[in-house]
Amino acid sequence: MKAALLLTLALGATFATGVQAQNPAPAVQPANRFAATIKPAETFEAGVLLVERHGSKGRPIILIPGLASGPWVWQDVIRQFKDQFTLYVVTLPGFDGRPAPAGEPLDGARTALRELIASRKLAAPVLIGHSLGGILALAVAEDLGNGVGGVVALDGLPVFPGTENMPPEQRPQAAQSVRERMATNNPAAWAMQQRQYMRGQGVLDIGKADDITPLLLKSDRAAVGAYVADVLALDLRPGLAKITAPVLVVAPFYQYDNVQNAMTAEDKVEHYRSLVEGIPSVDVVSIAPSRHFLMFDQPQALAGILRRYLDRR
């Protein structure tokens, strides 16, 4: 698979510069079908995180949205599981209208997730993350060992796909390049890029893509770039053996998007498996047809996969 395609699959963002905005996406509109969220039982701050709690019984589960996303990505999962588990839905700083983070955003979020688990005395929580959230889930599982009971990474991997063979000394330079390009990107061009991404690689349905785009644009553009840069500089593979929890990686797949490189669903699963092979207990499954925001393309299939995973824990 070409590196450029892998980069967008990994984090769900486009980084082209110099795009002329002929028809920029409209400004954020009032609540749409995806913005309407389920009322939480409790809302509180945990370090730099905003946390919603849904439910009050069963095993604790932490839901971590991906790049530029908020709790709205998890509404169907909340609806399916809030009566059986205690769900903690986090929003990262800089995303979904939250103030931009200070310092290194990925390290700050990683620390705050550990603090959330400690302060709430969560016993072996299951971490479920999408994209960037999946990366954070794997990172925290490395940090805490037996303190994490399970990890489900939805299109999130321990290294930025397409950069797995990049020499470590080149990663900081590549990360800085991304920061600079994102910081100088024209806001109108950025909005258009996000809409094009959502239509072309985010979800299968154009109507859904156009509803989701304004929600992504609520996030701070510089913060998005900072997170991407941090992830680009990161390679969790040397520490994967520290993860004691069973890990499930879910790979979305849509055949139409892979015609040029002749990749099959099995090929993609094997590629993802090669990137997580250091984890002692790991499985990789595919959901098709779906794109990066697979919770909107295949909500029932995802719920079934999560239920089977949780039933075994």
Protein backbone atom coordinates (compact mmCIF):
# COMPACT_ATOMS: atom_id res chain seq x y z
CA MET A 1 0.00 0.00 0.00
CA LYS A 2 1.33 3.43 -0.86
CA ALA A 3 2.60 5.51 2.06
CA ALA A 4 0.32 8.46 1.36
CA LEU A 5 -2.78 6.29 1.50
CA LEU A 6 -1.57 4.59 4.66
CA LEU A 7 -1.01 7.94 6.35
CA THR A 8 -4.59 9.02 5.79
CA LEU A 9 -5.94 5.63 6.80
CA ALA A 10 -4.03 5.81 10.06
CA LEU A 11 -5.30 9.11 11.41
CA GLY A 12 -8.04 10.30 9.14
CA ALA A 13 -6.57 13.62 8.05
CA THR A 14 -5.14 15.21 4.90
CA PHE A 15 -2.06 17.36 4.96
CA ALA A 16 -1.84 18.76 1.42
CA THR A 17 -0.78 22.38 1.26
CA GLY A 18 -1.43 25.06 -1.29
CA VAL A 19 -5.00 23.89 -2.01
CA GLN A 20 -7.18 26.62 -3.45
CA ALA A 21 -10.59 26.69 -1.77
CA GLN A 22 -13.07 27.05 -4.62
CA ASN A 23 -16.02 25.77 -2.60
CA PRO A 24 -15.02 25.61 1.06
CA ALA A 25 -17.13 23.65 3.47
CA PRO A 26 -19.70 25.76 5.31
CA ALA A 27 -19.05 27.02 8.81
CA VAL A 28 -20.11 24.83 11.72
CA GLN A 29 -23.88 24.53 11.67
CA PRO A 30 -26.32 23.86 14.54
CA ALA A 31 -26.57 20.35 15.89
CA ASN A 32 -27.08 17.68 13.24
CA ARG A 33 -27.92 14.00 13.55
CA PHE A 34 -24.41 13.14 14.76
CA ALA A 35 -24.04 16.10 17.10
CA ALA A 36 -27.02 15.03 19.22
CA THR A 37 -25.47 13.16 22.13
CA ILE A 38 -26.83 10.95 24.88
CA LYS A 39 -27.01 12.74 28.22
CA PRO A 40 -24.30 11.39 30.55
CA ALA A 41 -24.84 10.40 34.17
CA GLU A 42 -21.84 12.56 35.11
CA THR A 43 -19.41 14.98 33.49
CA PHE A 44 -16.07 15.88 35.05
CA GLU A 45 -12.52 16.96 34.31
CA ALA A 46 -9.60 14.54 34.62
CA GLY A 47 -6.40 16.46 34.06
CA VAL A 48 -6.58 17.80 30.50
CA LEU A 49 -9.48 15.49 29.64
CA LEU A 50 -13.20 16.16 29.64
CA VAL A 51 -14.91 12.95 30.73
CA GLU A 52 -18.51 11.79 30.41
CA ARG A 53 -19.67 8.81 32.45
CA HIS A 54 -22.51 6.67 31.14
CA GLY A 55 -23.84 3.82 33.25
CA SER A 56 -22.82 2.75 36.73
CA LYS A 57 -22.42 -1.02 36.74
CA GLY A 58 -20.29 -3.65 35.14
CA ARG A 59 -16.72 -3.42 33.99
CA PRO A 60 -15.23 0.04 33.33
CA ILE A 61 -14.62 0.91 29.68
CA ILE A 62 -12.79 4.03 28.49
CA LEU A 63 -13.79 5.27 25.02
CA ILE A 64 -11.16 7.45 23.34
CA PRO A 65 -12.12 9.31 20.15
CA GLY A 66 -9.72 9.86 17.30
CA LEU A 67 -8.22 12.91 15.63
CA ALA A 68 -10.44 16.03 15.76
CA SER A 69 -13.31 13.97 17.17
CA GLY A 70 -15.51 14.14 20.24
CA PRO A 71 -17.99 11.95 22.15
CA TRP A 72 -20.34 12.08 19.15
CA VAL A 73 -18.36 9.28 17.45
CA TRP A 74 -19.34 6.88 20.26
CA GLN A 75 -23.09 7.50 20.52
CA ASP A 76 -24.15 4.17 19.05
CA VAL A 77 -21.62 2.31 21.22
CA ILE A 78 -22.90 4.17 24.28
CA ARG A 79 -26.46 3.27 23.40
CA GLN A 80 -25.53 -0.40 22.97
CA PHE A 81 -23.43 -0.84 26.13
CA LYS A 82 -24.31 1.75 28.78
CA ASP A 83 -26.70 -0.58 30.63
CA GLN A 84 -24.10 -3.34 31.01
CA PHE A 85 -20.87 -1.44 31.60
CA THR A 86 -19.62 1.81 33.09
CA LEU A 87 -18.46 3.89 30.16
CA TYR A 88 -16.00 6.79 30.47
CA VAL A 89 -16.00 8.82 27.25
CA VAL A 90 -13.08 11.23 27.03
CA THR A 91 -12.50 14.33 24.89
CA LEU A 92 -8.90 15.33 24.27
CA PRO A 93 -7.80 18.97 24.62
CA GLY A 94 -8.03 20.89 21.35
CA PHE A 95 -10.80 18.68 19.97
CA ASP A 96 -14.56 19.25 19.72
CA GLY A 97 -14.34 22.87 20.88
CA ARG A 98 -12.00 22.20 23.83
CA PRO A 99 -9.09 24.62 24.43
CA ALA A 100 -5.85 23.68 22.70
CA PRO A 101 -3.33 21.74 24.80
CA ALA A 102 -0.11 23.17 26.15
CA GLY A 103 3.14 21.32 25.59
CA GLU A 104 3.28 17.94 23.88
CA PRO A 105 -0.38 16.96 23.43
CA LEU A 106 0.07 13.21 23.04
CA ASP A 107 2.15 12.88 26.21
CA GLY A 108 -0.35 15.05 28.06
CA ALA A 109 -3.29 12.90 26.98
CA ARG A 110 -1.37 9.71 27.79
CA THR A 111 -0.61 10.97 31.30
CA ALA A 112 -4.20 12.13 31.85
CA LEU A 113 -5.59 8.74 30.88
CA ARG A 114 -3.36 7.05 33.45
CA GLU A 115 -4.49 9.61 36.03
CA LEU A 116 -8.15 8.97 35.18
CA ILE A 117 -7.68 5.27 35.83
CA ALA A 118 -5.87 5.94 39.11
CA SER A 119 -8.13 8.69 40.45
CA ARG A 120 -11.32 6.73 39.76
CA LYS A 121 -9.71 3.49 40.95
CA LEU A 122 -10.79 1.74 37.75
CA ALA A 123 -10.00 -1.96 38.00
CA ALA A 124 -8.47 -3.29 34.78
CA PRO A 125 -10.53 -1.11 32.44
CA VAL A 126 -10.94 -1.97 28.77
CA LEU A 127 -9.63 0.82 26.54
CA ILE A 128 -11.44 1.26 23.22
CA GLY A 129 -9.92 3.85 20.92
CA HIS A 130 -10.48 5.01 17.37
CA SER A 131 -7.51 6.07 15.24
CA LEU A 132 -5.44 8.39 17.47
CA GLY A 133 -7.49 7.03 20.38
CA GLY A 134 -6.34 3.52 19.52
CA ILE A 135 -2.73 4.66 19.59
CA LEU A 136 -3.28 6.18 23.03
CA ALA A 137 -4.96 2.98 24.23
CA LEU A 138 -1.91 0.95 23.18
CA ALA A 139 0.44 3.47 24.79
CA VAL A 140 -1.39 3.38 28.14
CA ALA A 141 -1.49 -0.41 28.01
CA GLU A 142 2.29 -0.37 27.64
CA ASP A 143 2.57 1.99 30.59
CA LEU A 144 0.27 0.15 33.01
CA GLY A 145 0.69 -3.53 32.17
CA ASN A 146 -1.79 -5.48 34.31
CA GLY A 147 -3.56 -2.23 35.15
CA VAL A 148 -5.32 -2.45 31.79
CA GLY A 149 -7.73 -5.32 31.16
CA GLY A 150 -8.11 -5.07 27.40
CA VAL A 151 -7.54 -2.90 24.33
CA VAL A 152 -9.60 -2.50 21.19
CA ALA A 153 -7.95 -0.29 18.55
CA LEU A 154 -10.23 0.77 15.70
CA ASP A 155 -7.88 1.60 12.83
CA GLY A 156 -5.22 2.68 15.32
CA LEU A 157 -1.71 1.21 15.27
CA PRO A 158 1.54 1.49 17.28
CA VAL A 159 3.39 3.20 14.42
CA PHE A 160 2.21 5.56 11.68
CA PRO A 161 1.56 3.19 8.75
CA GLY A 162 3.82 3.94 5.84
CA THR A 163 6.58 5.09 8.20
CA GLU A 164 7.33 1.73 9.81
CA ASN A 165 10.73 1.60 8.07
CA MET A 166 11.64 5.24 8.75
CA PRO A 167 14.94 5.58 10.67
CA PRO A 168 14.30 6.88 14.21
CA GLU A 169 16.52 9.92 13.66
CA GLN A 170 14.28 11.08 10.79
CA ARG A 171 11.03 11.07 12.77
CA PRO A 172 11.52 14.40 14.61
CA GLN A 173 12.25 16.18 11.32
CA ALA A 174 9.16 14.68 9.66
CA ALA A 175 7.05 15.63 12.68
CA GLN A 176 8.25 19.24 12.61
CA SER A 177 7.43 19.46 8.90
CA VAL A 178 3.85 18.39 9.61
CA ARG A 179 3.52 20.96 12.43
CA GLU A 180 4.67 23.77 10.15
CA ARG A 181 2.42 22.80 7.26
CA MET A 182 -0.65 22.45 9.45
CA ALA A 183 0.01 25.76 11.20
CA THR A 184 0.18 27.67 7.90
CA ASN A 185 -2.66 25.89 6.11
CA ASN A 186 -5.42 28.26 4.99
CA PRO A 187 -8.57 27.75 7.12
CA ALA A 188 -10.86 27.65 4.09
CA ALA A 189 -8.58 25.16 2.36
CA TRP A 190 -8.44 23.10 5.56
CA ALA A 191 -12.24 22.96 5.70
CA MET A 192 -12.42 21.85 2.09
CA GLN A 193 -9.77 19.18 2.67
CA GLN A 194 -11.69 17.76 5.61
CA ARG A 195 -14.87 17.54 3.58
CA GLN A 196 -13.02 15.88 0.70
CA TYR A 197 -11.37 13.44 3.10
CA MET A 198 -14.66 12.48 4.72
CA ARG A 199 -16.28 11.97 1.32
CA GLY A 200 -13.38 10.03 -0.14
CA GLN A 201 -11.91 8.08 2.78
CA GLY A 202 -13.82 8.89 5.96
CA VAL A 203 -17.21 7.23 5.42
CA LEU A 204 -19.06 5.52 2.59
CA ASP A 205 -22.13 7.76 2.55
CA ILE A 206 -21.68 11.32 1.23
CA GLY A 207 -24.60 12.62 3.30
CA LYS A 208 -22.97 11.32 6.47
CA ALA A 209 -19.65 12.80 5.38
CA ASP A 210 -21.16 16.25 4.99
CA ASP A 211 -22.80 16.05 8.44
CA ILE A 212 -19.62 14.87 10.15
CA THR A 213 -17.29 17.45 8.56
CA PRO A 214 -18.61 20.47 10.55
CA LEU A 215 -18.09 18.50 13.75
CA LEU A 216 -14.44 17.86 12.84
CA LEU A 217 -13.99 21.56 12.14
CA LYS A 218 -14.86 22.39 15.77
CA SER A 219 -11.34 21.23 16.66
CA ASP A 220 -8.36 23.56 16.84
CA ARG A 221 -6.41 23.25 13.60
CA ALA A 222 -3.00 23.81 15.22
CA ALA A 223 -3.82 21.23 17.89
CA VAL A 224 -4.73 18.70 15.21
CA GLY A 225 -1.36 19.31 13.58
CA ALA A 226 0.45 18.97 16.90
CA TYR A 227 -1.17 15.60 17.62
CA VAL A 228 -0.35 14.36 14.13
CA ALA A 229 3.26 15.48 14.55
CA ASP A 230 3.53 13.71 17.91
CA VAL A 231 2.17 10.49 16.43
CA LEU A 232 4.47 10.72 13.44
CA ALA A 233 7.43 10.93 15.83
CA LEU A 234 6.15 7.96 17.85
CA ASP A 235 6.95 4.27 17.48
CA LEU A 236 5.45 2.10 20.20
CA ARG A 237 6.70 -1.19 18.74
CA PRO A 238 9.77 -1.56 21.00
CA GLY A 239 7.47 -1.65 24.05
CA LEU A 240 4.63 -3.83 22.74
CA ALA A 241 5.81 -6.85 24.75
CA LYS A 242 4.89 -4.91 27.92
CA ILE A 243 1.19 -5.11 27.01
CA THR A 244 -0.32 -7.93 29.06
CA ALA A 245 -3.95 -7.28 28.08
CA PRO A 246 -5.53 -9.01 25.08
CA VAL A 247 -5.60 -6.62 22.14
CA LEU A 248 -8.01 -6.52 19.24
CA VAL A 249 -7.26 -4.38 16.18
CA VAL A 250 -10.17 -3.67 13.85
CA ALA A 251 -9.28 -2.77 10.26
CA PRO A 252 -11.88 -1.11 8.01
CA PHE A 253 -11.84 -2.13 4.36
CA TYR A 254 -13.59 -0.95 1.20
CA GLN A 255 -12.58 -2.75 -1.99
CA TYR A 256 -13.25 0.25 -4.25
CA ASP A 257 -10.60 2.29 -2.42
CA ASN A 258 -7.98 -0.42 -2.98
CA VAL A 259 -8.42 -1.18 -6.68
CA GLN A 260 -5.23 0.59 -7.77
CA ASN A 261 -2.95 -1.20 -5.34
CA ALA A 262 -4.83 -4.52 -5.68
CA MET A 263 -5.05 -4.89 -1.91
CA THR A 264 -7.55 -7.35 -0.49
CA ALA A 265 -9.10 -7.33 2.98
CA GLU A 266 -6.79 -10.23 3.86
CA ASP A 267 -3.77 -8.22 2.69
CA LYS A 268 -4.72 -5.31 4.91
CA VAL A 269 -5.25 -7.55 7.93
CA GLU A 270 -1.82 -9.11 7.38
CA HIS A 271 -0.19 -5.68 7.06
CA TYR A 272 -1.79 -4.50 10.30
CA ARG A 273 -0.83 -7.78 11.95
CA SER A 274 2.81 -7.20 11.01
CA LEU A 275 2.75 -3.87 12.86
CA VAL A 276 1.40 -5.33 16.12
CA GLU A 277 3.17 -8.68 16.16
CA GLY A 278 5.12 -7.77 19.29
CA ILE A 279 1.96 -7.86 21.44
CA PRO A 280 1.76 -11.20 23.32
CA SER A 281 -2.01 -11.59 22.82
CA VAL A 282 -3.38 -9.86 19.72
CA ASP A 283 -5.92 -10.44 16.99
CA VAL A 284 -6.74 -8.41 13.89
CA VAL A 285 -10.15 -8.49 12.22
CA SER A 286 -11.67 -6.62 9.31
CA ILE A 287 -15.00 -4.85 8.87
CA ALA A 288 -16.12 -4.50 5.27
CA PRO A 289 -17.36 -2.50 3.56
CA SER A 290 -16.25 0.41 5.71
CA ARG A 291 -13.86 3.31 5.78
CA HIS A 292 -11.92 4.99 8.58
CA PHE A 293 -14.98 6.05 10.62
CA LEU A 294 -16.26 2.50 10.67
CA MET A 295 -18.63 3.17 13.58
CA PHE A 296 -20.79 5.17 11.14
CA ASP A 297 -20.47 2.77 8.19
CA GLN A 298 -21.05 -0.49 10.09
CA PRO A 299 -22.46 0.26 13.57
CA GLN A 300 -24.08 -3.15 14.04
CA ALA A 301 -21.03 -5.07 12.84
CA LEU A 302 -18.84 -3.07 15.21
CA ALA A 303 -21.22 -3.63 18.11
CA GLY A 304 -21.11 -7.37 17.44
CA ILE A 305 -17.30 -7.41 17.41
CA LEU A 306 -17.12 -5.40 20.64
CA ARG A 307 -19.72 -7.60 22.34
CA ARG A 308 -17.88 -10.79 21.47
CA TYR A 309 -14.61 -9.31 22.71
CA LEU A 310 -16.13 -8.08 25.98
CA ASP A 311 -17.95 -11.36 26.58
CA ARG A 312 -14.59 -13.13 26.64
CA ARG A 313 -13.01 -10.78 29.16
